Amino acid sequence: MLNKAFIDEMEQKLLTLKEEIIEQFMSENEDFKEMVEDMSIKDLADVAADDIGKRQLEALNQHEVKTLRLVESAISRIHNEKYGKCLSCGAKIPQERLRAIPYALLCISCKSGEEKQKRHTSQEE
């Protein structure tokens, strides 16, 4: 099991990453920036969770949207005490992997298997 200090560190890292993604959205999309500025009483990190999201976020960079969703999911897993467990096999995800990719869903073994499967499938097409 991951220790509390490590989990706290990862939660802070995830919240910072979330804030950076939202700031990137704001710099790339004037409409999104205006919406955020109109919500001055709200914490910037909470903006993505608001209802404003769906329509506006779809227009933004899909990679950033996917990363934001993964970050949100990881924060959720921290609160549900499921952070650091592979969603495929249930094994513990090594701390080194979580430090590199704090929103990782899979252990290295399952991720490697998934990538091999993707390569195999794309070669058949």
N, C-alpha and C. Protein backbone atom coordinates (compact mmCIF):
# COMPACT_ATOMS: atom_id res chain seq x y z
N MET A 1 0.84 -1.18 0.00
CA MET A 1 0.00 0.00 0.00
C MET A 1 0.89 1.25 0.00
N LEU A 2 0.45 2.26 -0.72
CA LEU A 2 1.21 3.50 -0.79
C LEU A 2 1.05 4.28 0.51
N ASN A 3 2.13 4.93 0.94
CA ASN A 3 2.03 5.69 2.19
C ASN A 3 1.36 7.04 1.97
N LYS A 4 0.83 7.60 3.04
CA LYS A 4 0.05 8.83 2.98
C LYS A 4 0.87 10.00 2.41
N ALA A 5 2.13 10.10 2.79
CA ALA A 5 2.97 11.20 2.30
C ALA A 5 3.10 11.14 0.78
N PHE A 6 3.30 9.93 0.25
CA PHE A 6 3.41 9.78 -1.21
C PHE A 6 2.09 10.14 -1.89
N ILE A 7 0.98 9.67 -1.34
CA ILE A 7 -0.33 9.95 -1.91
C ILE A 7 -0.61 11.46 -1.87
N ASP A 8 -0.28 12.10 -0.77
CA ASP A 8 -0.46 13.56 -0.67
C ASP A 8 0.39 14.28 -1.72
N GLU A 9 1.62 13.81 -1.90
CA GLU A 9 2.51 14.40 -2.91
C GLU A 9 1.91 14.24 -4.31
N MET A 10 1.38 13.06 -4.60
CA MET A 10 0.80 12.81 -5.92
C MET A 10 -0.48 13.63 -6.12
N GLU A 11 -1.27 13.76 -5.07
CA GLU A 11 -2.49 14.58 -5.19
C GLU A 11 -2.13 16.03 -5.51
N GLN A 12 -1.11 16.55 -4.85
CA GLN A 12 -0.68 17.93 -5.12
C GLN A 12 -0.17 18.05 -6.56
N LYS A 13 0.58 17.05 -6.99
CA LYS A 13 1.11 17.04 -8.36
C LYS A 13 -0.05 17.01 -9.37
N LEU A 14 -1.06 16.20 -9.10
CA LEU A 14 -2.22 16.10 -9.99
C LEU A 14 -3.01 17.41 -10.03
N LEU A 15 -3.20 18.02 -8.86
CA LEU A 15 -3.93 19.29 -8.82
C LEU A 15 -3.18 20.38 -9.57
N THR A 16 -1.86 20.39 -9.45
CA THR A 16 -1.04 21.35 -10.19
C THR A 16 -1.14 21.10 -11.68
N LEU A 17 -1.08 19.83 -12.08
CA LEU A 17 -1.21 19.47 -13.50
C LEU A 17 -2.57 19.90 -14.04
N LYS A 18 -3.61 19.68 -13.26
CA LYS A 18 -4.96 20.08 -13.66
C LYS A 18 -5.03 21.59 -13.89
N GLU A 19 -4.46 22.33 -12.96
CA GLU A 19 -4.44 23.79 -13.07
C GLU A 19 -3.67 24.23 -14.33
N GLU A 20 -2.54 23.57 -14.61
CA GLU A 20 -1.75 23.91 -15.79
C GLU A 20 -2.53 23.64 -17.07
N ILE A 21 -3.26 22.54 -17.12
CA ILE A 21 -4.06 22.21 -18.30
C ILE A 21 -5.15 23.26 -18.50
N ILE A 22 -5.80 23.65 -17.41
CA ILE A 22 -6.85 24.67 -17.51
C ILE A 22 -6.26 26.00 -17.99
N GLU A 23 -5.09 26.35 -17.46
CA GLU A 23 -4.43 27.59 -17.90
C GLU A 23 -4.07 27.51 -19.38
N GLN A 24 -3.65 26.32 -19.84
CA GLN A 24 -3.35 26.11 -21.26
C GLN A 24 -4.61 26.30 -22.09
N PHE A 25 -5.74 25.74 -21.62
CA PHE A 25 -7.02 25.94 -22.31
C PHE A 25 -7.30 27.42 -22.44
N MET A 26 -7.10 28.15 -21.34
CA MET A 26 -7.40 29.58 -21.34
C MET A 26 -6.53 30.33 -22.34
N SER A 27 -5.29 29.95 -22.47
CA SER A 27 -4.41 30.65 -23.39
C SER A 27 -4.74 30.31 -24.85
N GLU A 28 -5.34 29.16 -25.09
CA GLU A 28 -5.65 28.73 -26.46
C GLU A 28 -7.07 29.08 -26.89
N ASN A 29 -7.94 29.33 -25.94
CA ASN A 29 -9.35 29.49 -26.29
C ASN A 29 -9.94 30.69 -25.57
N GLU A 30 -10.23 31.74 -26.31
CA GLU A 30 -10.73 32.99 -25.74
C GLU A 30 -12.07 32.80 -25.04
N ASP A 31 -12.97 31.99 -25.61
CA ASP A 31 -14.28 31.76 -24.99
C ASP A 31 -14.12 31.10 -23.63
N PHE A 32 -13.25 30.10 -23.56
CA PHE A 32 -13.02 29.40 -22.30
C PHE A 32 -12.43 30.38 -21.27
N LYS A 33 -11.50 31.20 -21.73
CA LYS A 33 -10.87 32.19 -20.84
C LYS A 33 -11.92 33.13 -20.26
N GLU A 34 -12.83 33.61 -21.09
CA GLU A 34 -13.87 34.51 -20.62
C GLU A 34 -14.78 33.83 -19.59
N MET A 35 -15.10 32.56 -19.82
CA MET A 35 -15.94 31.83 -18.87
C MET A 35 -15.24 31.72 -17.52
N VAL A 36 -13.95 31.41 -17.55
CA VAL A 36 -13.18 31.27 -16.31
C VAL A 36 -13.12 32.60 -15.58
N GLU A 37 -12.87 33.67 -16.32
CA GLU A 37 -12.76 34.98 -15.69
C GLU A 37 -14.10 35.43 -15.10
N ASP A 38 -15.21 35.01 -15.70
CA ASP A 38 -16.53 35.34 -15.17
C ASP A 38 -16.83 34.59 -13.87
N MET A 39 -16.06 33.57 -13.57
CA MET A 39 -16.28 32.77 -12.37
C MET A 39 -15.25 33.13 -11.32
N SER A 40 -14.98 34.38 -11.14
CA SER A 40 -13.89 34.84 -10.29
C SER A 40 -13.95 34.30 -8.85
N ILE A 41 -15.13 34.00 -8.34
CA ILE A 41 -15.21 33.51 -6.96
C ILE A 41 -14.85 32.04 -6.83
N LYS A 42 -14.72 31.37 -7.94
CA LYS A 42 -14.41 29.94 -7.89
C LYS A 42 -12.91 29.71 -8.00
N ASP A 43 -12.48 28.67 -7.39
CA ASP A 43 -11.08 28.26 -7.50
C ASP A 43 -10.83 27.75 -8.91
N LEU A 44 -9.74 28.17 -9.51
CA LEU A 44 -9.41 27.78 -10.89
C LEU A 44 -9.44 26.27 -11.07
N ALA A 45 -8.96 25.52 -10.09
CA ALA A 45 -8.91 24.06 -10.22
C ALA A 45 -10.30 23.44 -10.27
N ASP A 46 -11.33 24.16 -9.83
CA ASP A 46 -12.69 23.63 -9.86
C ASP A 46 -13.41 23.90 -11.17
N VAL A 47 -12.86 24.75 -12.01
CA VAL A 47 -13.55 25.18 -13.22
C VAL A 47 -13.90 24.00 -14.13
N ALA A 48 -12.96 23.10 -14.32
CA ALA A 48 -13.20 21.99 -15.25
C ALA A 48 -14.33 21.09 -14.80
N ALA A 49 -14.60 21.07 -13.52
CA ALA A 49 -15.66 20.21 -13.00
C ALA A 49 -17.03 20.85 -13.19
N ASP A 50 -17.08 22.11 -13.50
CA ASP A 50 -18.35 22.80 -13.69
C ASP A 50 -19.04 22.34 -14.96
N ASP A 51 -20.30 22.65 -15.03
CA ASP A 51 -21.12 22.28 -16.17
C ASP A 51 -20.74 22.97 -17.47
N ILE A 52 -19.92 23.98 -17.39
CA ILE A 52 -19.52 24.71 -18.59
C ILE A 52 -18.76 23.82 -19.56
N GLY A 53 -18.21 22.76 -19.01
CA GLY A 53 -17.21 21.98 -19.69
C GLY A 53 -17.51 21.31 -20.99
N LYS A 54 -18.52 20.49 -21.04
CA LYS A 54 -18.70 19.57 -22.15
C LYS A 54 -18.54 20.22 -23.52
N ARG A 55 -19.39 21.19 -23.82
CA ARG A 55 -19.38 21.79 -25.15
C ARG A 55 -18.06 22.48 -25.45
N GLN A 56 -17.60 23.28 -24.50
CA GLN A 56 -16.38 24.05 -24.71
C GLN A 56 -15.14 23.17 -24.77
N LEU A 57 -15.06 22.20 -23.86
CA LEU A 57 -13.88 21.35 -23.83
C LEU A 57 -13.73 20.51 -25.10
N GLU A 58 -14.86 20.12 -25.69
CA GLU A 58 -14.79 19.32 -26.91
C GLU A 58 -14.12 20.07 -28.04
N ALA A 59 -14.23 21.40 -28.01
CA ALA A 59 -13.63 22.21 -29.07
C ALA A 59 -12.13 22.39 -28.87
N LEU A 60 -11.65 22.04 -27.70
CA LEU A 60 -10.23 22.25 -27.39
C LEU A 60 -9.41 21.02 -27.76
N ASN A 61 -8.14 21.15 -27.60
CA ASN A 61 -7.20 20.09 -27.93
C ASN A 61 -7.59 18.76 -27.27
N GLN A 62 -7.85 17.75 -28.09
CA GLN A 62 -8.32 16.47 -27.58
C GLN A 62 -7.32 15.78 -26.66
N HIS A 63 -6.05 15.96 -26.93
CA HIS A 63 -5.03 15.35 -26.05
C HIS A 63 -5.11 15.96 -24.65
N GLU A 64 -5.23 17.28 -24.60
CA GLU A 64 -5.34 17.94 -23.30
C GLU A 64 -6.61 17.52 -22.57
N VAL A 65 -7.70 17.38 -23.31
CA VAL A 65 -8.97 16.96 -22.70
C VAL A 65 -8.81 15.56 -22.12
N LYS A 66 -8.18 14.68 -22.88
CA LYS A 66 -7.97 13.30 -22.41
C LYS A 66 -7.10 13.30 -21.14
N THR A 67 -6.03 14.10 -21.16
CA THR A 67 -5.16 14.17 -20.00
C THR A 67 -5.91 14.74 -18.80
N LEU A 68 -6.72 15.77 -19.03
CA LEU A 68 -7.51 16.36 -17.93
C LEU A 68 -8.44 15.31 -17.33
N ARG A 69 -9.08 14.51 -18.18
CA ARG A 69 -9.97 13.46 -17.67
C ARG A 69 -9.20 12.42 -16.86
N LEU A 70 -8.00 12.06 -17.33
CA LEU A 70 -7.18 11.10 -16.59
C LEU A 70 -6.75 11.67 -15.23
N VAL A 71 -6.42 12.95 -15.21
CA VAL A 71 -6.03 13.61 -13.96
C VAL A 71 -7.22 13.62 -13.00
N GLU A 72 -8.40 14.01 -13.52
CA GLU A 72 -9.61 14.02 -12.69
C GLU A 72 -9.88 12.62 -12.12
N SER A 73 -9.73 11.62 -12.95
CA SER A 73 -9.96 10.23 -12.53
C SER A 73 -8.96 9.83 -11.44
N ALA A 74 -7.71 10.23 -11.60
CA ALA A 74 -6.69 9.89 -10.60
C ALA A 74 -7.00 10.56 -9.26
N ILE A 75 -7.44 11.81 -9.30
CA ILE A 75 -7.81 12.51 -8.07
C ILE A 75 -8.98 11.78 -7.40
N SER A 76 -9.92 11.34 -8.21
CA SER A 76 -11.05 10.56 -7.69
C SER A 76 -10.58 9.27 -7.02
N ARG A 77 -9.63 8.59 -7.68
CA ARG A 77 -9.12 7.34 -7.11
C ARG A 77 -8.40 7.58 -5.79
N ILE A 78 -7.73 8.73 -5.66
CA ILE A 78 -7.10 9.06 -4.38
C ILE A 78 -8.17 9.15 -3.30
N HIS A 79 -9.25 9.85 -3.61
CA HIS A 79 -10.32 10.05 -2.62
C HIS A 79 -11.06 8.74 -2.32
N ASN A 80 -11.09 7.82 -3.27
CA ASN A 80 -11.75 6.52 -3.08
C ASN A 80 -10.79 5.45 -2.57
N GLU A 81 -9.56 5.85 -2.28
CA GLU A 81 -8.50 4.95 -1.79
C GLU A 81 -8.20 3.81 -2.76
N LYS A 82 -8.30 4.10 -4.06
CA LYS A 82 -7.96 3.11 -5.08
C LYS A 82 -6.75 3.55 -5.91
N TYR A 83 -6.15 4.67 -5.54
CA TYR A 83 -5.01 5.21 -6.28
C TYR A 83 -3.82 4.27 -6.16
N GLY A 84 -3.12 4.07 -7.28
CA GLY A 84 -1.92 3.25 -7.27
C GLY A 84 -2.17 1.78 -7.52
N LYS A 85 -3.44 1.43 -7.83
CA LYS A 85 -3.77 0.03 -8.16
C LYS A 85 -4.10 -0.04 -9.64
N CYS A 86 -3.54 -1.04 -10.31
CA CYS A 86 -3.80 -1.26 -11.73
C CYS A 86 -5.28 -1.56 -11.93
N LEU A 87 -5.89 -0.85 -12.87
CA LEU A 87 -7.31 -1.06 -13.14
C LEU A 87 -7.57 -2.37 -13.88
N SER A 88 -6.52 -2.95 -14.43
CA SER A 88 -6.69 -4.20 -15.16
C SER A 88 -6.50 -5.42 -14.27
N CYS A 89 -5.36 -5.49 -13.59
CA CYS A 89 -5.06 -6.70 -12.81
C CYS A 89 -5.15 -6.49 -11.30
N GLY A 90 -5.23 -5.22 -10.86
CA GLY A 90 -5.32 -4.94 -9.44
C GLY A 90 -3.98 -4.87 -8.72
N ALA A 91 -2.89 -5.09 -9.44
CA ALA A 91 -1.56 -5.04 -8.82
C ALA A 91 -1.20 -3.59 -8.46
N LYS A 92 -0.26 -3.46 -7.56
CA LYS A 92 0.23 -2.14 -7.16
C LYS A 92 1.06 -1.54 -8.30
N ILE A 93 0.78 -0.30 -8.63
CA ILE A 93 1.58 0.42 -9.63
C ILE A 93 2.80 0.98 -8.90
N PRO A 94 4.00 0.72 -9.39
CA PRO A 94 5.21 1.19 -8.71
C PRO A 94 5.24 2.71 -8.56
N GLN A 95 5.80 3.18 -7.44
CA GLN A 95 5.89 4.62 -7.18
C GLN A 95 6.65 5.34 -8.29
N GLU A 96 7.67 4.70 -8.85
CA GLU A 96 8.46 5.34 -9.91
C GLU A 96 7.56 5.65 -11.11
N ARG A 97 6.67 4.72 -11.44
CA ARG A 97 5.75 4.93 -12.57
C ARG A 97 4.78 6.06 -12.25
N LEU A 98 4.27 6.08 -11.03
CA LEU A 98 3.32 7.13 -10.64
C LEU A 98 3.99 8.49 -10.59
N ARG A 99 5.26 8.52 -10.20
CA ARG A 99 5.99 9.81 -10.21
C ARG A 99 6.12 10.31 -11.65
N ALA A 100 6.37 9.41 -12.58
CA ALA A 100 6.52 9.79 -13.99
C ALA A 100 5.18 10.13 -14.63
N ILE A 101 4.16 9.33 -14.32
CA ILE A 101 2.82 9.52 -14.88
C ILE A 101 1.83 9.40 -13.72
N PRO A 102 1.58 10.52 -13.02
CA PRO A 102 0.76 10.43 -11.81
C PRO A 102 -0.68 9.98 -12.04
N TYR A 103 -1.12 10.01 -13.28
CA TYR A 103 -2.49 9.58 -13.60
C TYR A 103 -2.52 8.20 -14.26
N ALA A 104 -1.42 7.44 -14.13
CA ALA A 104 -1.35 6.11 -14.73
C ALA A 104 -2.49 5.22 -14.23
N LEU A 105 -3.11 4.49 -15.16
CA LEU A 105 -4.22 3.59 -14.84
C LEU A 105 -3.76 2.15 -14.70
N LEU A 106 -2.66 1.82 -15.38
CA LEU A 106 -2.22 0.43 -15.47
C LEU A 106 -0.80 0.25 -14.97
N CYS A 107 -0.51 -0.94 -14.46
CA CYS A 107 0.87 -1.29 -14.11
C CYS A 107 1.66 -1.43 -15.42
N ILE A 108 2.95 -1.50 -15.32
CA ILE A 108 3.80 -1.58 -16.51
C ILE A 108 3.48 -2.82 -17.33
N SER A 109 3.28 -3.95 -16.67
CA SER A 109 2.99 -5.20 -17.37
C SER A 109 1.70 -5.11 -18.19
N CYS A 110 0.63 -4.59 -17.58
CA CYS A 110 -0.66 -4.47 -18.29
C CYS A 110 -0.57 -3.43 -19.41
N LYS A 111 0.15 -2.34 -19.17
CA LYS A 111 0.31 -1.29 -20.18
C LYS A 111 1.08 -1.85 -21.38
N SER A 112 2.12 -2.62 -21.11
CA SER A 112 2.90 -3.24 -22.20
C SER A 112 2.03 -4.18 -23.01
N GLY A 113 1.22 -4.97 -22.32
CA GLY A 113 0.31 -5.89 -23.00
C GLY A 113 -0.70 -5.16 -23.85
N GLU A 114 -1.22 -4.04 -23.35
CA GLU A 114 -2.18 -3.23 -24.10
C GLU A 114 -1.54 -2.66 -25.36
N GLU A 115 -0.31 -2.17 -25.24
CA GLU A 115 0.38 -1.60 -26.39
C GLU A 115 0.71 -2.66 -27.43
N LYS A 116 1.10 -3.85 -26.97
CA LYS A 116 1.35 -4.95 -27.91
C LYS A 116 0.07 -5.29 -28.66
N GLN A 117 -1.04 -5.34 -27.95
CA GLN A 117 -2.34 -5.64 -28.57
C GLN A 117 -2.70 -4.58 -29.61
N LYS A 118 -2.47 -3.32 -29.30
CA LYS A 118 -2.76 -2.23 -30.24
C LYS A 118 -1.91 -2.37 -31.51
N ARG A 119 -0.61 -2.66 -31.31
CA ARG A 119 0.30 -2.83 -32.47
C ARG A 119 -0.15 -4.01 -33.32
N HIS A 120 -0.51 -5.09 -32.65
CA HIS A 120 -0.95 -6.30 -33.36
C HIS A 120 -2.22 -6.01 -34.16
N THR A 121 -3.16 -5.32 -33.56
CA THR A 121 -4.43 -4.99 -34.21
C THR A 121 -4.20 -4.06 -35.40
N SER A 122 -3.34 -3.06 -35.23
CA SER A 122 -3.10 -2.11 -36.32
C SER A 122 -2.36 -2.75 -37.49
N GLN A 123 -1.57 -3.79 -37.23
CA GLN A 123 -0.86 -4.49 -38.31
C GLN A 123 -1.83 -5.33 -39.13
N GLU A 124 -2.93 -5.76 -38.51
CA GLU A 124 -3.90 -6.58 -39.23
C GLU A 124 -4.77 -5.75 -40.16
N GLU A 125 -4.89 -4.46 -39.90
CA GLU A 125 -5.79 -3.60 -40.69
C GLU A 125 -5.24 -3.26 -42.04
